[in-house]
Amino acid sequence: MRRVLVVAGVIERGDKVLVSLRRPKGERASLWEFPGGKVEPGEGERAALARELREELGVRAQVGEEYARVEHIYPDLQVELALYRCVLHAGEEPRPLACEQVKWVARRDLPGLPFCEADVPVLTRLAEEGPA
C-alpha cells in the first residue's frame, strides 16, 4: 500500500478556520480538508506546507507549531497527516487555485461538513477550543 506524508495548515481568523474543497474528480473528490499537500522527497514539513499554501491558495504564510498528527488508512493509501498552525502574511487573501473552493468556517460548524476521513479526528478538538 502506498504511504504518503501530508502537511496541512490550521489557519484561523477570529473564530473561523480556513478549509478547502477538493475538486469533483480524483481521490476523495468533493470533500473538505485543511489546505496543504504532500511532502516531496528531501523537503521539510514546514517548507512543504509553505510551498503548498502558495501553490494551492496563492498565499504566503508563517508556519508555526505542530497542532496534531494523524495516521489514517484509506482503501488505497496510508496517510500520515501533520497539521501546523499557520498565520497568513498581512493582506493575503486565499484563492482556490488548486481546489474547488475555499471558505472560512466557524469552529463549531466544522464537524458538520463532509471532510476527508484523515481530518475528522481534529474537527472536534478545533470546534471545542477557542482561537489560538
N, C-alpha and C. Protein backbone atom coordinates (compact mmCIF):
# COMPACT_ATOMS: atom_id res chain seq x y z
N MET A 1 0.84 -1.19 0.00
CA MET A 1 0.00 0.00 0.00
C MET A 1 0.89 1.25 0.00
N ARG A 2 0.50 2.19 -0.80
CA ARG A 2 1.24 3.45 -0.92
C ARG A 2 1.10 4.24 0.38
N ARG A 3 2.21 4.84 0.84
CA ARG A 3 2.22 5.64 2.07
C ARG A 3 2.68 7.05 1.72
N VAL A 4 1.95 8.05 2.21
CA VAL A 4 2.34 9.44 1.95
C VAL A 4 2.33 10.24 3.24
N LEU A 5 3.21 11.23 3.27
CA LEU A 5 3.24 12.21 4.35
C LEU A 5 2.61 13.48 3.80
N VAL A 6 1.55 13.92 4.47
CA VAL A 6 0.80 15.10 4.04
C VAL A 6 0.87 16.15 5.15
N VAL A 7 1.04 17.41 4.76
CA VAL A 7 1.03 18.51 5.71
C VAL A 7 -0.17 19.40 5.40
N ALA A 8 -0.75 19.96 6.45
CA ALA A 8 -1.90 20.84 6.25
C ALA A 8 -1.86 21.97 7.28
N GLY A 9 -2.49 23.07 6.92
CA GLY A 9 -2.47 24.25 7.77
C GLY A 9 -3.78 24.44 8.52
N VAL A 10 -3.64 24.75 9.81
CA VAL A 10 -4.77 25.22 10.61
C VAL A 10 -4.62 26.74 10.61
N ILE A 11 -5.40 27.39 9.75
CA ILE A 11 -5.30 28.83 9.55
C ILE A 11 -6.56 29.46 10.13
N GLU A 12 -6.37 30.31 11.13
CA GLU A 12 -7.51 30.87 11.85
C GLU A 12 -7.65 32.37 11.60
N ARG A 13 -8.89 32.81 11.64
CA ARG A 13 -9.21 34.24 11.57
C ARG A 13 -10.36 34.45 12.56
N GLY A 14 -10.02 34.93 13.75
CA GLY A 14 -11.03 35.04 14.79
C GLY A 14 -11.52 33.66 15.18
N ASP A 15 -12.83 33.45 15.11
CA ASP A 15 -13.41 32.15 15.47
C ASP A 15 -13.59 31.23 14.26
N LYS A 16 -13.00 31.61 13.13
CA LYS A 16 -13.18 30.81 11.91
C LYS A 16 -11.87 30.17 11.49
N VAL A 17 -12.01 29.05 10.78
CA VAL A 17 -10.87 28.28 10.29
C VAL A 17 -11.02 28.13 8.78
N LEU A 18 -9.90 28.25 8.06
CA LEU A 18 -9.92 28.14 6.61
C LEU A 18 -9.92 26.67 6.19
N VAL A 19 -10.85 26.31 5.31
CA VAL A 19 -10.90 24.96 4.75
C VAL A 19 -11.02 25.05 3.24
N SER A 20 -10.64 23.97 2.57
CA SER A 20 -10.72 23.95 1.11
C SER A 20 -11.48 22.70 0.66
N LEU A 21 -12.18 22.84 -0.46
CA LEU A 21 -12.98 21.76 -1.02
C LEU A 21 -12.21 21.13 -2.18
N ARG A 22 -12.02 19.81 -2.09
CA ARG A 22 -11.32 19.09 -3.16
C ARG A 22 -12.15 19.14 -4.44
N ARG A 23 -11.48 19.06 -5.56
CA ARG A 23 -12.16 19.09 -6.86
C ARG A 23 -13.07 17.87 -7.01
N PRO A 24 -14.08 17.95 -7.90
CA PRO A 24 -15.05 16.87 -8.03
C PRO A 24 -14.53 15.59 -8.69
N LYS A 25 -13.31 15.61 -9.19
CA LYS A 25 -12.73 14.40 -9.78
C LYS A 25 -11.47 14.03 -9.00
N GLY A 26 -11.16 12.73 -8.96
CA GLY A 26 -9.93 12.29 -8.30
C GLY A 26 -10.20 11.71 -6.92
N GLU A 27 -9.10 11.43 -6.21
CA GLU A 27 -9.20 10.83 -4.88
C GLU A 27 -9.92 11.77 -3.92
N ARG A 28 -10.82 11.19 -3.13
CA ARG A 28 -11.57 11.92 -2.10
C ARG A 28 -12.21 13.19 -2.67
N ALA A 29 -12.85 13.02 -3.82
CA ALA A 29 -13.48 14.13 -4.55
C ALA A 29 -14.56 14.81 -3.72
N SER A 30 -14.65 16.11 -3.86
CA SER A 30 -15.71 16.94 -3.26
C SER A 30 -15.81 16.81 -1.75
N LEU A 31 -14.69 16.54 -1.08
CA LEU A 31 -14.66 16.54 0.38
C LEU A 31 -13.85 17.74 0.85
N TRP A 32 -14.18 18.23 2.04
CA TRP A 32 -13.46 19.35 2.63
C TRP A 32 -12.19 18.82 3.28
N GLU A 33 -11.19 19.70 3.38
CA GLU A 33 -9.93 19.36 4.04
C GLU A 33 -9.27 20.66 4.50
N PHE A 34 -8.26 20.50 5.32
CA PHE A 34 -7.43 21.64 5.67
C PHE A 34 -6.43 21.79 4.55
N PRO A 35 -6.16 23.03 4.09
CA PRO A 35 -5.29 23.21 2.92
C PRO A 35 -3.87 22.73 3.17
N GLY A 36 -3.28 22.12 2.15
CA GLY A 36 -1.92 21.61 2.24
C GLY A 36 -1.67 20.61 1.14
N GLY A 37 -0.75 19.69 1.37
CA GLY A 37 -0.45 18.69 0.35
C GLY A 37 0.70 17.81 0.75
N LYS A 38 1.19 17.05 -0.21
CA LYS A 38 2.23 16.05 0.04
C LYS A 38 3.60 16.69 0.23
N VAL A 39 4.39 16.08 1.09
CA VAL A 39 5.78 16.47 1.29
C VAL A 39 6.62 15.75 0.24
N GLU A 40 7.41 16.52 -0.50
CA GLU A 40 8.27 15.95 -1.54
C GLU A 40 9.53 15.37 -0.90
N PRO A 41 10.16 14.38 -1.56
CA PRO A 41 11.41 13.80 -1.02
C PRO A 41 12.45 14.89 -0.75
N GLY A 42 13.08 14.83 0.42
CA GLY A 42 14.12 15.79 0.79
C GLY A 42 13.60 17.13 1.28
N GLU A 43 12.30 17.29 1.38
CA GLU A 43 11.69 18.56 1.78
C GLU A 43 11.24 18.46 3.23
N GLY A 44 11.46 19.50 4.01
CA GLY A 44 10.98 19.54 5.39
C GLY A 44 9.48 19.79 5.42
N GLU A 45 8.84 19.40 6.51
CA GLU A 45 7.38 19.53 6.60
C GLU A 45 6.93 20.99 6.53
N ARG A 46 7.57 21.87 7.27
CA ARG A 46 7.16 23.29 7.27
C ARG A 46 7.38 23.94 5.90
N ALA A 47 8.51 23.63 5.27
CA ALA A 47 8.79 24.17 3.93
C ALA A 47 7.77 23.66 2.92
N ALA A 48 7.40 22.38 3.04
CA ALA A 48 6.40 21.80 2.14
C ALA A 48 5.06 22.50 2.31
N LEU A 49 4.68 22.76 3.56
CA LEU A 49 3.39 23.41 3.80
C LEU A 49 3.39 24.83 3.25
N ALA A 50 4.46 25.57 3.47
CA ALA A 50 4.53 26.93 2.92
C ALA A 50 4.41 26.89 1.40
N ARG A 51 5.09 25.94 0.75
CA ARG A 51 5.02 25.80 -0.71
C ARG A 51 3.61 25.45 -1.15
N GLU A 52 2.99 24.46 -0.49
CA GLU A 52 1.64 24.04 -0.86
C GLU A 52 0.63 25.19 -0.72
N LEU A 53 0.75 25.99 0.32
CA LEU A 53 -0.18 27.11 0.51
C LEU A 53 -0.01 28.15 -0.59
N ARG A 54 1.25 28.36 -1.04
CA ARG A 54 1.47 29.27 -2.17
C ARG A 54 0.84 28.72 -3.43
N GLU A 55 1.07 27.41 -3.70
CA GLU A 55 0.58 26.80 -4.94
C GLU A 55 -0.94 26.66 -4.95
N GLU A 56 -1.53 26.24 -3.83
CA GLU A 56 -2.96 25.94 -3.80
C GLU A 56 -3.83 27.17 -3.58
N LEU A 57 -3.34 28.12 -2.76
CA LEU A 57 -4.18 29.25 -2.36
C LEU A 57 -3.60 30.60 -2.74
N GLY A 58 -2.38 30.63 -3.25
CA GLY A 58 -1.75 31.89 -3.63
C GLY A 58 -1.43 32.79 -2.44
N VAL A 59 -1.13 32.19 -1.28
CA VAL A 59 -0.85 32.98 -0.08
C VAL A 59 0.53 32.65 0.48
N ARG A 60 1.09 33.62 1.18
CA ARG A 60 2.31 33.41 1.94
C ARG A 60 1.90 33.27 3.40
N ALA A 61 2.48 32.30 4.06
CA ALA A 61 2.10 32.05 5.45
C ALA A 61 3.31 31.74 6.29
N GLN A 62 3.22 32.11 7.55
CA GLN A 62 4.23 31.72 8.53
C GLN A 62 3.73 30.41 9.15
N VAL A 63 4.52 29.36 9.02
CA VAL A 63 4.14 28.05 9.54
C VAL A 63 4.68 27.94 10.97
N GLY A 64 3.78 27.69 11.90
CA GLY A 64 4.14 27.66 13.31
C GLY A 64 4.23 26.26 13.88
N GLU A 65 3.73 26.11 15.09
CA GLU A 65 3.85 24.85 15.83
C GLU A 65 2.96 23.76 15.27
N GLU A 66 3.38 22.52 15.52
CA GLU A 66 2.55 21.38 15.12
C GLU A 66 1.30 21.38 15.98
N TYR A 67 0.15 21.19 15.34
CA TYR A 67 -1.13 21.18 16.03
C TYR A 67 -1.59 19.75 16.33
N ALA A 68 -1.40 18.86 15.37
CA ALA A 68 -1.84 17.47 15.52
C ALA A 68 -1.14 16.62 14.48
N ARG A 69 -1.09 15.31 14.75
CA ARG A 69 -0.54 14.35 13.79
C ARG A 69 -1.47 13.14 13.81
N VAL A 70 -1.93 12.76 12.63
CA VAL A 70 -2.94 11.70 12.49
C VAL A 70 -2.45 10.67 11.49
N GLU A 71 -2.65 9.40 11.80
CA GLU A 71 -2.40 8.32 10.84
C GLU A 71 -3.76 7.80 10.40
N HIS A 72 -3.94 7.62 9.10
CA HIS A 72 -5.22 7.10 8.60
C HIS A 72 -4.96 6.19 7.41
N ILE A 73 -5.68 5.08 7.37
CA ILE A 73 -5.56 4.15 6.25
C ILE A 73 -6.85 4.19 5.43
N TYR A 74 -6.71 4.67 4.19
CA TYR A 74 -7.79 4.61 3.21
C TYR A 74 -7.65 3.27 2.49
N PRO A 75 -8.66 2.87 1.72
CA PRO A 75 -8.54 1.60 0.98
C PRO A 75 -7.33 1.58 0.03
N ASP A 76 -6.94 2.75 -0.49
CA ASP A 76 -5.88 2.82 -1.49
C ASP A 76 -4.59 3.48 -1.00
N LEU A 77 -4.57 3.94 0.25
CA LEU A 77 -3.50 4.82 0.66
C LEU A 77 -3.36 4.87 2.18
N GLN A 78 -2.12 4.91 2.66
CA GLN A 78 -1.87 5.13 4.08
C GLN A 78 -1.31 6.55 4.22
N VAL A 79 -1.98 7.35 5.04
CA VAL A 79 -1.63 8.77 5.17
C VAL A 79 -1.14 9.07 6.58
N GLU A 80 -0.03 9.79 6.65
CA GLU A 80 0.39 10.43 7.89
C GLU A 80 0.14 11.92 7.66
N LEU A 81 -0.77 12.48 8.43
CA LEU A 81 -1.17 13.88 8.27
C LEU A 81 -0.62 14.70 9.43
N ALA A 82 0.22 15.68 9.11
CA ALA A 82 0.77 16.59 10.11
C ALA A 82 0.12 17.96 9.90
N LEU A 83 -0.58 18.43 10.93
CA LEU A 83 -1.23 19.74 10.85
C LEU A 83 -0.43 20.75 11.66
N TYR A 84 -0.24 21.93 11.07
CA TYR A 84 0.52 23.01 11.71
C TYR A 84 -0.34 24.26 11.76
N ARG A 85 -0.23 24.98 12.87
CA ARG A 85 -0.86 26.30 12.93
C ARG A 85 -0.10 27.23 11.99
N CYS A 86 -0.85 28.02 11.22
CA CYS A 86 -0.25 28.95 10.27
C CYS A 86 -0.90 30.32 10.41
N VAL A 87 -0.12 31.34 10.11
CA VAL A 87 -0.62 32.71 10.09
C VAL A 87 -0.33 33.27 8.71
N LEU A 88 -1.37 33.80 8.06
CA LEU A 88 -1.19 34.40 6.74
C LEU A 88 -0.48 35.74 6.90
N HIS A 89 0.38 36.07 5.93
CA HIS A 89 1.02 37.39 5.92
C HIS A 89 -0.06 38.46 5.75
N ALA A 90 0.18 39.63 6.25
CA ALA A 90 -0.79 40.74 6.20
C ALA A 90 -1.25 40.97 4.76
N GLY A 91 -2.55 41.11 4.59
CA GLY A 91 -3.13 41.41 3.29
C GLY A 91 -3.33 40.20 2.38
N GLU A 92 -2.93 39.02 2.82
CA GLU A 92 -3.07 37.83 1.98
C GLU A 92 -4.52 37.31 2.04
N GLU A 93 -5.11 37.08 0.89
CA GLU A 93 -6.47 36.52 0.80
C GLU A 93 -6.40 35.23 0.00
N PRO A 94 -6.77 34.10 0.59
CA PRO A 94 -6.69 32.82 -0.11
C PRO A 94 -7.63 32.75 -1.32
N ARG A 95 -7.12 32.14 -2.40
CA ARG A 95 -7.90 31.93 -3.62
C ARG A 95 -7.84 30.46 -3.97
N PRO A 96 -8.90 29.89 -4.54
CA PRO A 96 -8.91 28.45 -4.88
C PRO A 96 -8.16 28.15 -6.18
N LEU A 97 -6.84 28.13 -6.13
CA LEU A 97 -6.04 27.90 -7.34
C LEU A 97 -5.96 26.42 -7.70
N ALA A 98 -5.93 25.53 -6.69
CA ALA A 98 -5.79 24.09 -6.95
C ALA A 98 -6.86 23.31 -6.20
N CYS A 99 -7.98 23.97 -5.94
CA CYS A 99 -9.11 23.31 -5.28
C CYS A 99 -10.39 23.94 -5.83
N GLU A 100 -11.52 23.36 -5.47
CA GLU A 100 -12.81 23.84 -5.99
C GLU A 100 -13.24 25.14 -5.32
N GLN A 101 -12.98 25.24 -4.00
CA GLN A 101 -13.49 26.37 -3.23
C GLN A 101 -12.70 26.47 -1.93
N VAL A 102 -12.59 27.69 -1.40
CA VAL A 102 -12.06 27.89 -0.05
C VAL A 102 -13.09 28.70 0.72
N LYS A 103 -13.18 28.42 2.03
CA LYS A 103 -14.07 29.25 2.84
C LYS A 103 -13.64 29.23 4.29
N TRP A 104 -14.02 30.29 4.98
CA TRP A 104 -13.80 30.42 6.42
C TRP A 104 -15.03 29.86 7.11
N VAL A 105 -14.82 28.89 8.00
CA VAL A 105 -15.93 28.20 8.66
C VAL A 105 -15.81 28.40 10.16
N ALA A 106 -16.93 28.72 10.80
CA ALA A 106 -16.94 28.82 12.26
C ALA A 106 -16.52 27.48 12.85
N ARG A 107 -15.70 27.54 13.90
CA ARG A 107 -15.18 26.31 14.53
C ARG A 107 -16.29 25.31 14.83
N ARG A 108 -17.38 25.79 15.41
CA ARG A 108 -18.45 24.88 15.84
C ARG A 108 -19.12 24.18 14.65
N ASP A 109 -18.98 24.74 13.44
CA ASP A 109 -19.61 24.15 12.25
C ASP A 109 -18.72 23.14 11.53
N LEU A 110 -17.44 23.05 11.91
CA LEU A 110 -16.52 22.15 11.22
C LEU A 110 -16.99 20.69 11.23
N PRO A 111 -17.42 20.14 12.39
CA PRO A 111 -17.81 18.72 12.40
C PRO A 111 -19.02 18.40 11.51
N GLY A 112 -19.78 19.41 11.08
CA GLY A 112 -20.95 19.17 10.24
C GLY A 112 -20.65 19.09 8.76
N LEU A 113 -19.43 19.39 8.36
CA LEU A 113 -19.06 19.35 6.94
C LEU A 113 -18.51 17.98 6.57
N PRO A 114 -18.72 17.54 5.31
CA PRO A 114 -18.14 16.26 4.87
C PRO A 114 -16.64 16.42 4.61
N PHE A 115 -15.83 15.98 5.57
CA PHE A 115 -14.37 16.11 5.50
C PHE A 115 -13.74 14.80 5.06
N CYS A 116 -12.51 14.89 4.56
CA CYS A 116 -11.68 13.70 4.33
C CYS A 116 -11.52 12.99 5.67
N GLU A 117 -11.57 11.67 5.66
CA GLU A 117 -11.55 10.90 6.91
C GLU A 117 -10.33 11.19 7.77
N ALA A 118 -9.18 11.44 7.17
CA ALA A 118 -7.97 11.70 7.95
C ALA A 118 -8.09 12.98 8.79
N ASP A 119 -8.91 13.93 8.35
CA ASP A 119 -9.09 15.20 9.07
C ASP A 119 -10.08 15.09 10.23
N VAL A 120 -10.95 14.10 10.22
CA VAL A 120 -12.06 14.01 11.17
C VAL A 120 -11.62 14.05 12.64
N PRO A 121 -10.55 13.34 13.05
CA PRO A 121 -10.17 13.38 14.46
C PRO A 121 -9.85 14.78 14.99
N VAL A 122 -9.50 15.70 14.11
CA VAL A 122 -9.09 17.04 14.52
C VAL A 122 -10.30 17.98 14.65
N LEU A 123 -11.40 17.64 13.99
CA LEU A 123 -12.54 18.57 13.91
C LEU A 123 -13.14 18.88 15.28
N THR A 124 -13.35 17.87 16.11
CA THR A 124 -13.96 18.09 17.41
C THR A 124 -13.06 18.94 18.29
N ARG A 125 -11.77 18.64 18.27
CA ARG A 125 -10.81 19.44 19.06
C ARG A 125 -10.87 20.91 18.66
N LEU A 126 -10.87 21.19 17.36
CA LEU A 126 -10.93 22.57 16.88
C LEU A 126 -12.26 23.22 17.27
N ALA A 127 -13.34 22.46 17.16
CA ALA A 127 -14.67 23.00 17.45
C ALA A 127 -14.80 23.37 18.93
N GLU A 128 -14.12 22.61 19.80
CA GLU A 128 -14.29 22.80 21.23
C GLU A 128 -13.34 23.84 21.83
N GLU A 129 -12.23 24.11 21.19
CA GLU A 129 -11.30 25.08 21.77
C GLU A 129 -11.48 26.45 21.14
N GLY A 130 -11.01 27.44 21.82
CA GLY A 130 -11.11 28.81 21.29
C GLY A 130 -9.98 29.11 20.35
N PRO A 131 -10.00 30.29 19.73
CA PRO A 131 -8.94 30.69 18.81
C PRO A 131 -7.57 30.70 19.51
N ALA A 132 -6.53 30.51 18.72
CA ALA A 132 -5.16 30.46 19.25
C ALA A 132 -4.76 31.83 19.79
